[in-house]
Amino acid sequence: MNKAGLTPRQKDVLGFLQLYFNEYGIFPSHREIANGKIEGKQVITKVAASSTIKDTLDRIERRGHIRKNPHMPRGLELL
């Protein structure tokens, strides 16, 4: 997956999505992304507000790395 054009934080979140999906078979919720843990290990820096994650996901989607489905819980797709 080419992460060109993403900020370091966006790259971290995109990598976290892939790791989380590989571990659990589903994508994380905004709160789980904000927490930044997989199997109890801190994988990315914790964020206080899940709204920050929404903004980050929106930017990653605009750059063509994910597709969000607002009609499904955890409705993400890596492109």
PDB file of N, CA and C in Angstrom:
ATOM      1  N   MET A   1       0.845  -1.169   0.000  1.00  0.00           N
ATOM      2  CA  MET A   1       0.000   0.000   0.000  1.00  0.00           C
ATOM      3  C   MET A   1       0.893   1.236   0.000  1.00  0.00           C
ATOM      4  N   ASN A   2       0.753   2.099  -0.992  1.00  0.00           N
ATOM      5  CA  ASN A   2       1.538   3.318  -1.109  1.00  0.00           C
ATOM      6  C   ASN A   2       0.918   4.395  -0.230  1.00  0.00           C
ATOM      7  N   LYS A   3       1.683   4.871   0.728  1.00  0.00           N
ATOM      8  CA  LYS A   3       1.172   5.869   1.665  1.00  0.00           C
ATOM      9  C   LYS A   3       1.662   7.271   1.331  1.00  0.00           C
ATOM     10  N   ALA A   4       2.083   7.484   0.084  1.00  0.00           N
ATOM     11  CA  ALA A   4       2.582   8.790  -0.331  1.00  0.00           C
ATOM     12  C   ALA A   4       1.489   9.843  -0.183  1.00  0.00           C
ATOM     13  N   GLY A   5       1.896  11.032   0.207  1.00  0.00           N
ATOM     14  CA  GLY A   5       0.959  12.140   0.332  1.00  0.00           C
ATOM     15  C   GLY A   5       0.226  12.198   1.661  1.00  0.00           C
ATOM     16  N   LEU A   6       0.522  11.275   2.570  1.00  0.00           N
ATOM     17  CA  LEU A   6      -0.125  11.275   3.879  1.00  0.00           C
ATOM     18  C   LEU A   6       0.810  11.865   4.926  1.00  0.00           C
ATOM     19  N   THR A   7       0.217  12.494   5.931  1.00  0.00           N
ATOM     20  CA  THR A   7       1.010  12.985   7.062  1.00  0.00           C
ATOM     21  C   THR A   7       1.453  11.785   7.900  1.00  0.00           C
ATOM     22  N   PRO A   8       2.440  11.968   8.773  1.00  0.00           N
ATOM     23  CA  PRO A   8       2.850  10.849   9.636  1.00  0.00           C
ATOM     24  C   PRO A   8       1.680  10.281  10.451  1.00  0.00           C
ATOM     25  N   ARG A   9       0.816  11.131  10.980  1.00  0.00           N
ATOM     26  CA  ARG A   9      -0.337  10.655  11.760  1.00  0.00           C
ATOM     27  C   ARG A   9      -1.273   9.833  10.878  1.00  0.00           C
ATOM     28  N   GLN A  10      -1.545  10.309   9.674  1.00  0.00           N
ATOM     29  CA  GLN A  10      -2.422   9.580   8.755  1.00  0.00           C
ATOM     30  C   GLN A  10      -1.819   8.225   8.396  1.00  0.00           C
ATOM     31  N   LYS A  11      -0.509   8.187   8.201  1.00  0.00           N
ATOM     32  CA  LYS A  11       0.164   6.915   7.923  1.00  0.00           C
ATOM     33  C   LYS A  11       0.015   5.960   9.101  1.00  0.00           C
ATOM     34  N   ASP A  12       0.153   6.495  10.318  1.00  0.00           N
ATOM     35  CA  ASP A  12      -0.013   5.670  11.517  1.00  0.00           C
ATOM     36  C   ASP A  12      -1.420   5.083  11.592  1.00  0.00           C
ATOM     37  N   VAL A  13      -2.423   5.923  11.352  1.00  0.00           N
ATOM     38  CA  VAL A  13      -3.811   5.463  11.433  1.00  0.00           C
ATOM     39  C   VAL A  13      -4.082   4.429  10.343  1.00  0.00           C
ATOM     40  N   LEU A  14      -3.611   4.663   9.136  1.00  0.00           N
ATOM     41  CA  LEU A  14      -3.808   3.707   8.049  1.00  0.00           C
ATOM     42  C   LEU A  14      -3.147   2.368   8.377  1.00  0.00           C
ATOM     43  N   GLY A  15      -1.943   2.413   8.902  1.00  0.00           N
ATOM     44  CA  GLY A  15      -1.266   1.181   9.317  1.00  0.00           C
ATOM     45  C   GLY A  15      -2.012   0.480  10.440  1.00  0.00           C
ATOM     46  N   PHE A  16      -2.552   1.266  11.380  1.00  0.00           N
ATOM     47  CA  PHE A  16      -3.325   0.706  12.484  1.00  0.00           C
ATOM     48  C   PHE A  16      -4.571  -0.014  11.963  1.00  0.00           C
ATOM     49  N   LEU A  17      -5.244   0.584  10.981  1.00  0.00           N
ATOM     50  CA  LEU A  17      -6.428  -0.061  10.394  1.00  0.00           C
ATOM     51  C   LEU A  17      -6.076  -1.436   9.847  1.00  0.00           C
ATOM     52  N   GLN A  18      -4.965  -1.526   9.129  1.00  0.00           N
ATOM     53  CA  GLN A  18      -4.542  -2.797   8.537  1.00  0.00           C
ATOM     54  C   GLN A  18      -4.185  -3.814   9.619  1.00  0.00           C
ATOM     55  N   LEU A  19      -3.406  -3.383  10.617  1.00  0.00           N
ATOM     56  CA  LEU A  19      -3.028  -4.284  11.709  1.00  0.00           C
ATOM     57  C   LEU A  19      -4.250  -4.787  12.468  1.00  0.00           C
ATOM     58  N   TYR A  20      -5.163  -3.890  12.770  1.00  0.00           N
ATOM     59  CA  TYR A  20      -6.361  -4.244  13.533  1.00  0.00           C
ATOM     60  C   TYR A  20      -7.206  -5.242  12.739  1.00  0.00           C
ATOM     61  N   PHE A  21      -7.384  -4.966  11.445  1.00  0.00           N
ATOM     62  CA  PHE A  21      -8.157  -5.870  10.595  1.00  0.00           C
ATOM     63  C   PHE A  21      -7.494  -7.245  10.530  1.00  0.00           C
ATOM     64  N   ASN A  22      -6.187  -7.273  10.383  1.00  0.00           N
ATOM     65  CA  ASN A  22      -5.467  -8.550  10.331  1.00  0.00           C
ATOM     66  C   ASN A  22      -5.620  -9.334  11.627  1.00  0.00           C
ATOM     67  N   GLU A  23      -5.665  -8.634  12.759  1.00  0.00           N
ATOM     68  CA  GLU A  23      -5.763  -9.283  14.070  1.00  0.00           C
ATOM     69  C   GLU A  23      -7.182  -9.772  14.380  1.00  0.00           C
ATOM     70  N   TYR A  24      -8.191  -8.931  14.079  1.00  0.00           N
ATOM     71  CA  TYR A  24      -9.556  -9.224  14.511  1.00  0.00           C
ATOM     72  C   TYR A  24     -10.545  -9.557  13.387  1.00  0.00           C
ATOM     73  N   GLY A  25     -10.182  -9.290  12.148  1.00  0.00           N
ATOM     74  CA  GLY A  25     -11.081  -9.578  11.030  1.00  0.00           C
ATOM     75  C   GLY A  25     -12.177  -8.550  10.827  1.00  0.00           C
ATOM     76  N   ILE A  26     -12.139  -7.470  11.584  1.00  0.00           N
ATOM     77  CA  ILE A  26     -13.063  -6.344  11.417  1.00  0.00           C
ATOM     78  C   ILE A  26     -12.251  -5.066  11.568  1.00  0.00           C
ATOM     79  N   PHE A  27     -12.821  -3.955  11.133  1.00  0.00           N
ATOM     80  CA  PHE A  27     -12.135  -2.682  11.304  1.00  0.00           C
ATOM     81  C   PHE A  27     -12.488  -2.094  12.658  1.00  0.00           C
ATOM     82  N   PRO A  28     -11.591  -1.288  13.233  1.00  0.00           N
ATOM     83  CA  PRO A  28     -11.843  -0.706  14.552  1.00  0.00           C
ATOM     84  C   PRO A  28     -12.864   0.430  14.489  1.00  0.00           C
ATOM     85  N   SER A  29     -13.504   0.671  15.629  1.00  0.00           N
ATOM     86  CA  SER A  29     -14.377   1.834  15.763  1.00  0.00           C
ATOM     87  C   SER A  29     -13.506   3.080  15.926  1.00  0.00           C
ATOM     88  N   HIS A  30     -14.116   4.242  15.831  1.00  0.00           N
ATOM     89  CA  HIS A  30     -13.364   5.485  16.026  1.00  0.00           C
ATOM     90  C   HIS A  30     -12.724   5.509  17.411  1.00  0.00           C
ATOM     91  N   ARG A  31     -13.446   5.055  18.415  1.00  0.00           N
ATOM     92  CA  ARG A  31     -12.924   5.040  19.783  1.00  0.00           C
ATOM     93  C   ARG A  31     -11.726   4.094  19.894  1.00  0.00           C
ATOM     94  N   GLU A  32     -11.800   2.951  19.231  1.00  0.00           N
ATOM     95  CA  GLU A  32     -10.679   2.001  19.264  1.00  0.00           C
ATOM     96  C   GLU A  32      -9.450   2.558  18.550  1.00  0.00           C
ATOM     97  N   ILE A  33      -9.672   3.282  17.468  1.00  0.00           N
ATOM     98  CA  ILE A  33      -8.546   3.930  16.782  1.00  0.00           C
ATOM     99  C   ILE A  33      -7.937   4.986  17.701  1.00  0.00           C
ATOM    100  N   ALA A  34      -8.799   5.788  18.338  1.00  0.00           N
ATOM    101  CA  ALA A  34      -8.317   6.838  19.251  1.00  0.00           C
ATOM    102  C   ALA A  34      -7.517   6.242  20.399  1.00  0.00           C
ATOM    103  N   ASN A  35      -7.924   5.069  20.872  1.00  0.00           N
ATOM    104  CA  ASN A  35      -7.207   4.388  21.952  1.00  0.00           C
ATOM    105  C   ASN A  35      -5.850   3.872  21.472  1.00  0.00           C
ATOM    106  N   GLY A  36      -5.788   3.408  20.234  1.00  0.00           N
ATOM    107  CA  GLY A  36      -4.525   3.023  19.608  1.00  0.00           C
ATOM    108  C   GLY A  36      -3.917   1.721  20.073  1.00  0.00           C
ATOM    109  N   LYS A  37      -4.715   0.823  20.672  1.00  0.00           N
ATOM    110  CA  LYS A  37      -4.166  -0.433  21.193  1.00  0.00           C
ATOM    111  C   LYS A  37      -4.674  -1.642  20.415  1.00  0.00           C
ATOM    112  N   ILE A  38      -3.793  -2.632  20.292  1.00  0.00           N
ATOM    113  CA  ILE A  38      -4.143  -3.941  19.757  1.00  0.00           C
ATOM    114  C   ILE A  38      -3.573  -4.961  20.723  1.00  0.00           C
ATOM    115  N   GLU A  39      -4.427  -5.850  21.194  1.00  0.00           N
ATOM    116  CA  GLU A  39      -4.014  -6.874  22.155  1.00  0.00           C
ATOM    117  C   GLU A  39      -3.314  -6.264  23.367  1.00  0.00           C
ATOM    118  N   GLY A  40      -3.823  -5.098  23.813  1.00  0.00           N
ATOM    119  CA  GLY A  40      -3.284  -4.455  24.999  1.00  0.00           C
ATOM    120  C   GLY A  40      -1.994  -3.683  24.796  1.00  0.00           C
ATOM    121  N   LYS A  41      -1.452  -3.710  23.588  1.00  0.00           N
ATOM    122  CA  LYS A  41      -0.207  -2.987  23.301  1.00  0.00           C
ATOM    123  C   LYS A  41      -0.527  -1.683  22.578  1.00  0.00           C
ATOM    124  N   GLN A  42       0.109  -0.611  23.025  1.00  0.00           N
ATOM    125  CA  GLN A  42      -0.073   0.691  22.384  1.00  0.00           C
ATOM    126  C   GLN A  42       0.645   0.661  21.033  1.00  0.00           C
ATOM    127  N   VAL A  43      -0.121   0.744  19.959  1.00  0.00           N
ATOM    128  CA  VAL A  43       0.437   0.653  18.612  1.00  0.00           C
ATOM    129  C   VAL A  43       0.658   2.035  18.016  1.00  0.00           C
ATOM    130  N   ILE A  44      -0.291   2.939  18.263  1.00  0.00           N
ATOM    131  CA  ILE A  44      -0.148   4.326  17.817  1.00  0.00           C
ATOM    132  C   ILE A  44      -0.458   5.240  18.998  1.00  0.00           C
ATOM    133  N   THR A  45      -0.063   6.486  18.885  1.00  0.00           N
ATOM    134  CA  THR A  45      -0.283   7.451  19.947  1.00  0.00           C
ATOM    135  C   THR A  45      -1.769   7.638  20.203  1.00  0.00           C
ATOM    136  N   LYS A  46      -2.143   7.614  21.472  1.00  0.00           N
ATOM    137  CA  LYS A  46      -3.534   7.775  21.879  1.00  0.00           C
ATOM    138  C   LYS A  46      -3.999   9.199  21.598  1.00  0.00           C
ATOM    139  N   VAL A  47      -5.265   9.336  21.202  1.00  0.00           N
ATOM    140  CA  VAL A  47      -5.878  10.622  20.921  1.00  0.00           C
ATOM    141  C   VAL A  47      -7.059  10.797  21.870  1.00  0.00           C
ATOM    142  N   ALA A  48      -7.233  11.993  22.404  1.00  0.00           N
ATOM    143  CA  ALA A  48      -8.286  12.227  23.386  1.00  0.00           C
ATOM    144  C   ALA A  48      -9.689  12.222  22.769  1.00  0.00           C
ATOM    145  N   ALA A  49      -9.843  12.757  21.577  1.00  0.00           N
ATOM    146  CA  ALA A  49     -11.181  12.921  20.993  1.00  0.00           C
ATOM    147  C   ALA A  49     -11.355  12.057  19.756  1.00  0.00           C
ATOM    148  N   SER A  50     -12.456  11.312  19.723  1.00  0.00           N
ATOM    149  CA  SER A  50     -12.719  10.491  18.540  1.00  0.00           C
ATOM    150  C   SER A  50     -13.070  11.357  17.332  1.00  0.00           C
ATOM    151  N   SER A  51     -13.457  12.625  17.549  1.00  0.00           N
ATOM    152  CA  SER A  51     -13.724  13.515  16.421  1.00  0.00           C
ATOM    153  C   SER A  51     -12.446  13.779  15.628  1.00  0.00           C
ATOM    154  N   THR A  52     -11.303  13.758  16.309  1.00  0.00           N
ATOM    155  CA  THR A  52     -10.018  13.901  15.624  1.00  0.00           C
ATOM    156  C   THR A  52      -9.802  12.732  14.667  1.00  0.00           C
ATOM    157  N   ILE A  53     -10.209  11.544  15.095  1.00  0.00           N
ATOM    158  CA  ILE A  53     -10.091  10.355  14.250  1.00  0.00           C
ATOM    159  C   ILE A  53     -10.999  10.484  13.039  1.00  0.00           C
ATOM    160  N   LYS A  54     -12.215  10.989  13.230  1.00  0.00           N
ATOM    161  CA  LYS A  54     -13.127  11.184  12.099  1.00  0.00           C
ATOM    162  C   LYS A  54     -12.481  12.093  11.056  1.00  0.00           C
ATOM    163  N   ASP A  55     -11.893  13.200  11.503  1.00  0.00           N
ATOM    164  CA  ASP A  55     -11.222  14.120  10.576  1.00  0.00           C
ATOM    165  C   ASP A  55     -10.063  13.439   9.858  1.00  0.00           C
ATOM    166  N   THR A  56      -9.284  12.666  10.595  1.00  0.00           N
ATOM    167  CA  THR A  56      -8.155  11.949   9.996  1.00  0.00           C
ATOM    168  C   THR A  56      -8.637  10.954   8.954  1.00  0.00           C
ATOM    169  N   LEU A  57      -9.684  10.185   9.277  1.00  0.00           N
ATOM    170  CA  LEU A  57     -10.233   9.210   8.320  1.00  0.00           C
ATOM    171  C   LEU A  57     -10.790   9.916   7.086  1.00  0.00           C
ATOM    172  N   ASP A  58     -11.445  11.064   7.282  1.00  0.00           N
ATOM    173  CA  ASP A  58     -11.963  11.829   6.142  1.00  0.00           C
ATOM    174  C   ASP A  58     -10.822  12.233   5.207  1.00  0.00           C
ATOM    175  N   ARG A  59      -9.714  12.670   5.769  1.00  0.00           N
ATOM    176  CA  ARG A  59      -8.568  13.082   4.946  1.00  0.00           C
ATOM    177  C   ARG A  59      -7.927  11.898   4.225  1.00  0.00           C
ATOM    178  N   ILE A  60      -7.833  10.767   4.924  1.00  0.00           N
ATOM    179  CA  ILE A  60      -7.279   9.560   4.295  1.00  0.00           C
ATOM    180  C   ILE A  60      -8.189   9.106   3.154  1.00  0.00           C
ATOM    181  N   GLU A  61      -9.499   9.219   3.363  1.00  0.00           N
ATOM    182  CA  GLU A  61     -10.441   8.843   2.299  1.00  0.00           C
ATOM    183  C   GLU A  61     -10.305   9.777   1.095  1.00  0.00           C
ATOM    184  N   ARG A  62     -10.187  11.077   1.336  1.00  0.00           N
ATOM    185  CA  ARG A  62     -10.038  12.033   0.230  1.00  0.00           C
ATOM    186  C   ARG A  62      -8.780  11.764  -0.587  1.00  0.00           C
ATOM    187  N   ARG A  63      -7.765  11.196   0.046  1.00  0.00           N
ATOM    188  CA  ARG A  63      -6.524  10.876  -0.665  1.00  0.00           C
ATOM    189  C   ARG A  63      -6.586   9.497  -1.344  1.00  0.00           C
ATOM    190  N   GLY A  64      -7.732   8.818  -1.209  1.00  0.00           N
ATOM    191  CA  GLY A  64      -7.962   7.590  -1.960  1.00  0.00           C
ATOM    192  C   GLY A  64      -7.404   6.317  -1.348  1.00  0.00           C
ATOM    193  N   HIS A  65      -7.129   6.305  -0.039  1.00  0.00           N
ATOM    194  CA  HIS A  65      -6.557   5.121   0.595  1.00  0.00           C
ATOM    195  C   HIS A  65      -7.594   4.227   1.260  1.00  0.00           C
ATOM    196  N   ILE A  66      -8.750   4.811   1.607  1.00  0.00           N
ATOM    197  CA  ILE A  66      -9.844   4.038   2.198  1.00  0.00           C
ATOM    198  C   ILE A  66     -11.162   4.496   1.589  1.00  0.00           C
ATOM    199  N   ARG A  67     -12.173   3.690   1.786  1.00  0.00           N
ATOM    200  CA  ARG A  67     -13.547   4.059   1.426  1.00  0.00           C
ATOM    201  C   ARG A  67     -14.387   3.820   2.671  1.00  0.00           C
ATOM    202  N   LYS A  68     -15.204   4.822   3.028  1.00  0.00           N
ATOM    203  CA  LYS A  68     -16.072   4.686   4.195  1.00  0.00           C
ATOM    204  C   LYS A  68     -17.508   4.442   3.735  1.00  0.00           C
ATOM    205  N   ASN A  69     -18.205   3.570   4.465  1.00  0.00           N
ATOM    206  CA  ASN A  69     -19.619   3.337   4.224  1.00  0.00           C
ATOM    207  C   ASN A  69     -20.372   3.833   5.456  1.00  0.00           C
ATOM    208  N   PRO A  70     -21.022   4.997   5.364  1.00  0.00           N
ATOM    209  CA  PRO A  70     -21.680   5.569   6.535  1.00  0.00           C
ATOM    210  C   PRO A  70     -22.902   4.783   6.996  1.00  0.00           C
ATOM    211  N   HIS A  71     -23.341   3.829   6.211  1.00  0.00           N
ATOM    212  CA  HIS A  71     -24.542   3.052   6.547  1.00  0.00           C
ATOM    213  C   HIS A  71     -24.216   1.760   7.285  1.00  0.00           C
ATOM    214  N   MET A  72     -22.930   1.525   7.542  1.00  0.00           N
ATOM    215  CA  MET A  72     -22.511   0.309   8.238  1.00  0.00           C
ATOM    216  C   MET A  72     -21.615   0.664   9.411  1.00  0.00           C
ATOM    217  N   PRO A  73     -21.826   0.000  10.557  1.00  0.00           N
ATOM    218  CA  PRO A  73     -20.860   0.189  11.636  1.00  0.00           C
ATOM    219  C   PRO A  73     -19.503  -0.371  11.204  1.00  0.00           C
ATOM    220  N   ARG A  74     -18.460   0.323  11.547  1.00  0.00           N
ATOM    221  CA  ARG A  74     -17.102  -0.082  11.175  1.00  0.00           C
ATOM    222  C   ARG A  74     -16.965  -0.240   9.652  1.00  0.00           C
ATOM    223  N   GLY A  75     -17.727   0.553   8.927  1.00  0.00           N
ATOM    224  CA  GLY A  75     -17.809   0.433   7.472  1.00  0.00           C
ATOM    225  C   GLY A  75     -16.633   1.066   6.762  1.00  0.00           C
ATOM    226  N   LEU A  76     -15.498   0.420   6.817  1.00  0.00           N
ATOM    227  CA  LEU A  76     -14.297   0.883   6.135  1.00  0.00           C
ATOM    228  C   LEU A  76     -13.830  -0.163   5.141  1.00  0.00           C
ATOM    229  N   GLU A  77     -13.140   0.305   4.127  1.00  0.00           N
ATOM    230  CA  GLU A  77     -12.517  -0.605   3.163  1.00  0.00           C
ATOM    231  C   GLU A  77     -11.180  -0.002   2.769  1.00  0.00           C
ATOM    232  N   LEU A  78     -10.135  -0.791   2.852  1.00  0.00           N
ATOM    233  CA  LEU A  78      -8.815  -0.341   2.399  1.00  0.00           C
ATOM    234  C   LEU A  78      -8.748  -0.480   0.892  1.00  0.00           C
ATOM    235  N   LEU A  79      -8.214   0.535   0.233  1.00  0.00           N
ATOM    236  CA  LEU A  79      -8.114   0.508  -1.238  1.00  0.00           C
ATOM    237  C   LEU A  79      -6.687   0.281  -1.681  1.00  0.00           C
TER     238      LEU A  79
END
